């Protein structure tokens, strides 16, 4: 659990989040009839809302850069 507190405006902090690959799986009701995990790269992003999260992911995919 992360609990270091607030980050001041204009500053950044790097944290590590561990995600079990089972948490990325989705249920395939029309094919396998079980949970599956598609091959490929997965991007996790944190943003103020879903639109900014999508924009962060698109930025990474299109530019090949990592955004902090």
N, C-alpha and C. Protein backbone atom coordinates (compact mmCIF):
# COMPACT_ATOMS: atom_id res chain seq x y z
N UNK A 1 0.85 -1.18 0.00
CA UNK A 1 0.00 0.00 0.00
C UNK A 1 0.89 1.24 0.00
N UNK A 2 0.53 2.20 -0.82
CA UNK A 2 1.29 3.44 -0.93
C UNK A 2 0.69 4.47 0.00
N UNK A 3 1.50 5.08 0.84
CA UNK A 3 0.97 6.06 1.77
C UNK A 3 1.99 7.12 2.15
N UNK A 4 2.78 7.56 1.18
CA UNK A 4 3.82 8.54 1.47
C UNK A 4 3.27 9.96 1.62
N UNK A 5 2.04 10.19 1.19
CA UNK A 5 1.47 11.52 1.33
C UNK A 5 1.37 12.24 0.01
N UNK A 6 1.04 13.51 0.09
CA UNK A 6 0.82 14.32 -1.11
C UNK A 6 2.14 14.73 -1.75
N UNK A 7 2.10 14.94 -3.05
CA UNK A 7 3.24 15.45 -3.80
C UNK A 7 2.95 16.91 -4.12
N UNK A 8 3.88 17.78 -3.83
CA UNK A 8 3.69 19.22 -4.04
C UNK A 8 3.52 19.53 -5.52
N UNK A 9 2.76 20.58 -5.78
CA UNK A 9 2.54 21.03 -7.16
C UNK A 9 3.87 21.29 -7.85
N UNK A 10 4.01 20.81 -9.08
CA UNK A 10 5.23 21.00 -9.84
C UNK A 10 6.30 19.95 -9.57
N UNK A 11 6.10 19.12 -8.58
CA UNK A 11 7.06 18.07 -8.27
C UNK A 11 6.53 16.73 -8.76
N UNK A 12 7.39 15.74 -8.80
CA UNK A 12 6.98 14.40 -9.20
C UNK A 12 7.59 13.39 -8.26
N UNK A 13 7.02 12.22 -8.29
CA UNK A 13 7.52 11.12 -7.47
C UNK A 13 7.32 9.84 -8.26
N UNK A 14 8.30 8.96 -8.23
CA UNK A 14 8.20 7.68 -8.91
C UNK A 14 7.83 6.62 -7.90
N UNK A 15 6.81 5.83 -8.24
CA UNK A 15 6.44 4.71 -7.39
C UNK A 15 6.36 3.46 -8.25
N UNK A 16 6.44 2.32 -7.63
CA UNK A 16 6.31 1.04 -8.33
C UNK A 16 5.00 0.39 -7.91
N UNK A 17 4.24 -0.03 -8.90
CA UNK A 17 2.97 -0.71 -8.64
C UNK A 17 3.08 -2.11 -9.23
N UNK A 18 2.91 -3.11 -8.41
CA UNK A 18 2.95 -4.49 -8.87
C UNK A 18 1.54 -4.94 -9.22
N UNK A 19 1.37 -5.48 -10.41
CA UNK A 19 0.07 -5.95 -10.87
C UNK A 19 0.19 -7.41 -11.26
N UNK A 20 -0.62 -8.24 -10.67
CA UNK A 20 -0.65 -9.65 -11.02
C UNK A 20 -1.29 -9.78 -12.40
N UNK A 21 -0.68 -10.54 -13.29
CA UNK A 21 -1.21 -10.65 -14.65
C UNK A 21 -2.62 -11.21 -14.67
N UNK A 22 -3.01 -11.95 -13.66
CA UNK A 22 -4.40 -12.45 -13.59
C UNK A 22 -5.39 -11.30 -13.48
N UNK A 23 -4.96 -10.17 -12.92
CA UNK A 23 -5.85 -9.01 -12.78
C UNK A 23 -6.09 -8.31 -14.12
N UNK A 24 -5.30 -8.62 -15.13
CA UNK A 24 -5.47 -8.02 -16.46
C UNK A 24 -6.31 -8.91 -17.38
N UNK A 25 -6.61 -10.11 -16.95
CA UNK A 25 -7.37 -11.05 -17.78
C UNK A 25 -8.84 -10.63 -17.85
N UNK A 26 -9.48 -11.04 -18.93
CA UNK A 26 -10.91 -10.78 -19.09
C UNK A 26 -11.61 -12.09 -19.44
N UNK A 27 -12.89 -12.15 -19.13
CA UNK A 27 -13.64 -13.38 -19.36
C UNK A 27 -14.07 -13.45 -20.81
N UNK A 28 -13.77 -14.56 -21.46
CA UNK A 28 -14.12 -14.78 -22.87
C UNK A 28 -15.34 -15.69 -22.92
N UNK A 29 -16.53 -15.10 -22.87
CA UNK A 29 -17.78 -15.87 -22.83
C UNK A 29 -18.12 -16.48 -24.18
N UNK A 30 -17.57 -15.94 -25.27
CA UNK A 30 -17.95 -16.39 -26.60
C UNK A 30 -16.91 -17.30 -27.26
N UNK A 31 -15.83 -17.57 -26.58
CA UNK A 31 -14.79 -18.41 -27.18
C UNK A 31 -14.32 -19.46 -26.20
N UNK A 32 -13.36 -19.10 -25.39
CA UNK A 32 -12.72 -20.05 -24.48
C UNK A 32 -13.60 -20.44 -23.30
N UNK A 33 -14.55 -19.58 -22.94
CA UNK A 33 -15.39 -19.87 -21.78
C UNK A 33 -14.64 -19.81 -20.47
N UNK A 34 -13.58 -19.04 -20.46
CA UNK A 34 -12.75 -18.89 -19.26
C UNK A 34 -12.06 -17.53 -19.33
N UNK A 35 -11.25 -17.23 -18.35
CA UNK A 35 -10.49 -15.99 -18.37
C UNK A 35 -9.28 -16.14 -19.29
N UNK A 36 -9.03 -15.11 -20.09
CA UNK A 36 -7.89 -15.13 -21.01
C UNK A 36 -7.10 -13.84 -20.85
N UNK A 37 -5.84 -13.89 -21.24
CA UNK A 37 -4.98 -12.72 -21.25
C UNK A 37 -4.36 -12.64 -22.63
N UNK A 38 -4.79 -11.65 -23.39
CA UNK A 38 -4.27 -11.49 -24.74
C UNK A 38 -2.79 -11.14 -24.71
N UNK A 39 -2.06 -11.67 -25.68
CA UNK A 39 -0.63 -11.36 -25.81
C UNK A 39 -0.46 -9.90 -26.21
N UNK A 40 0.63 -9.31 -25.83
CA UNK A 40 0.93 -7.94 -26.23
C UNK A 40 1.38 -7.10 -25.05
N UNK A 41 1.54 -5.81 -25.32
CA UNK A 41 1.95 -4.87 -24.28
C UNK A 41 0.72 -4.26 -23.63
N UNK A 42 0.83 -4.03 -22.34
CA UNK A 42 -0.25 -3.40 -21.58
C UNK A 42 0.29 -2.10 -20.99
N UNK A 43 -0.53 -1.07 -21.02
CA UNK A 43 -0.14 0.23 -20.49
C UNK A 43 -1.06 0.59 -19.34
N UNK A 44 -0.47 0.94 -18.23
CA UNK A 44 -1.23 1.43 -17.08
C UNK A 44 -0.95 2.91 -16.95
N UNK A 45 -1.98 3.68 -16.76
CA UNK A 45 -1.79 5.12 -16.62
C UNK A 45 -2.69 5.65 -15.52
N UNK A 46 -2.25 6.71 -14.90
CA UNK A 46 -3.04 7.39 -13.89
C UNK A 46 -3.29 8.80 -14.41
N UNK A 47 -4.54 9.22 -14.33
CA UNK A 47 -4.89 10.54 -14.84
C UNK A 47 -6.08 11.08 -14.06
N UNK A 48 -6.43 12.31 -14.35
CA UNK A 48 -7.54 12.95 -13.66
C UNK A 48 -8.89 12.39 -14.10
N UNK A 49 -8.96 11.81 -15.30
CA UNK A 49 -10.20 11.21 -15.79
C UNK A 49 -9.88 10.24 -16.92
N UNK A 50 -10.89 9.55 -17.42
CA UNK A 50 -10.69 8.53 -18.44
C UNK A 50 -10.15 9.12 -19.74
N UNK A 51 -10.58 10.33 -20.10
CA UNK A 51 -10.10 10.94 -21.34
C UNK A 51 -8.60 11.21 -21.28
N UNK A 52 -8.12 11.73 -20.17
CA UNK A 52 -6.69 11.98 -20.03
C UNK A 52 -5.91 10.67 -19.93
N UNK A 53 -6.50 9.65 -19.35
CA UNK A 53 -5.83 8.34 -19.30
C UNK A 53 -5.63 7.80 -20.71
N UNK A 54 -6.65 7.92 -21.55
CA UNK A 54 -6.54 7.47 -22.95
C UNK A 54 -5.49 8.31 -23.67
N UNK A 55 -5.49 9.61 -23.46
CA UNK A 55 -4.50 10.48 -24.11
C UNK A 55 -3.08 10.10 -23.69
N UNK A 56 -2.87 9.77 -22.42
CA UNK A 56 -1.55 9.34 -21.94
C UNK A 56 -1.11 8.08 -22.68
N UNK A 57 -2.02 7.13 -22.80
CA UNK A 57 -1.70 5.87 -23.46
C UNK A 57 -1.41 6.09 -24.94
N UNK A 58 -2.20 6.91 -25.61
CA UNK A 58 -1.96 7.20 -27.02
C UNK A 58 -0.61 7.88 -27.21
N UNK A 59 -0.26 8.80 -26.31
CA UNK A 59 1.03 9.48 -26.39
C UNK A 59 2.16 8.47 -26.33
N UNK A 60 2.07 7.53 -25.41
CA UNK A 60 3.12 6.52 -25.26
C UNK A 60 3.21 5.65 -26.50
N UNK A 61 2.06 5.19 -26.99
CA UNK A 61 2.05 4.28 -28.13
C UNK A 61 2.53 4.96 -29.40
N UNK A 62 2.14 6.21 -29.63
CA UNK A 62 2.49 6.90 -30.85
C UNK A 62 3.93 7.41 -30.85
N UNK A 63 4.41 7.83 -29.70
CA UNK A 63 5.74 8.44 -29.64
C UNK A 63 6.82 7.45 -29.24
N UNK A 64 6.43 6.37 -28.58
CA UNK A 64 7.41 5.42 -28.08
C UNK A 64 8.10 5.91 -26.83
N UNK A 65 7.67 7.07 -26.31
CA UNK A 65 8.27 7.63 -25.10
C UNK A 65 7.49 7.20 -23.89
N UNK A 66 8.15 7.25 -22.76
CA UNK A 66 7.48 7.00 -21.49
C UNK A 66 7.20 8.34 -20.85
N UNK A 67 5.98 8.51 -20.42
CA UNK A 67 5.54 9.76 -19.80
C UNK A 67 5.52 9.58 -18.30
N UNK A 68 6.16 10.46 -17.54
CA UNK A 68 6.15 10.35 -16.08
C UNK A 68 4.99 11.10 -15.50
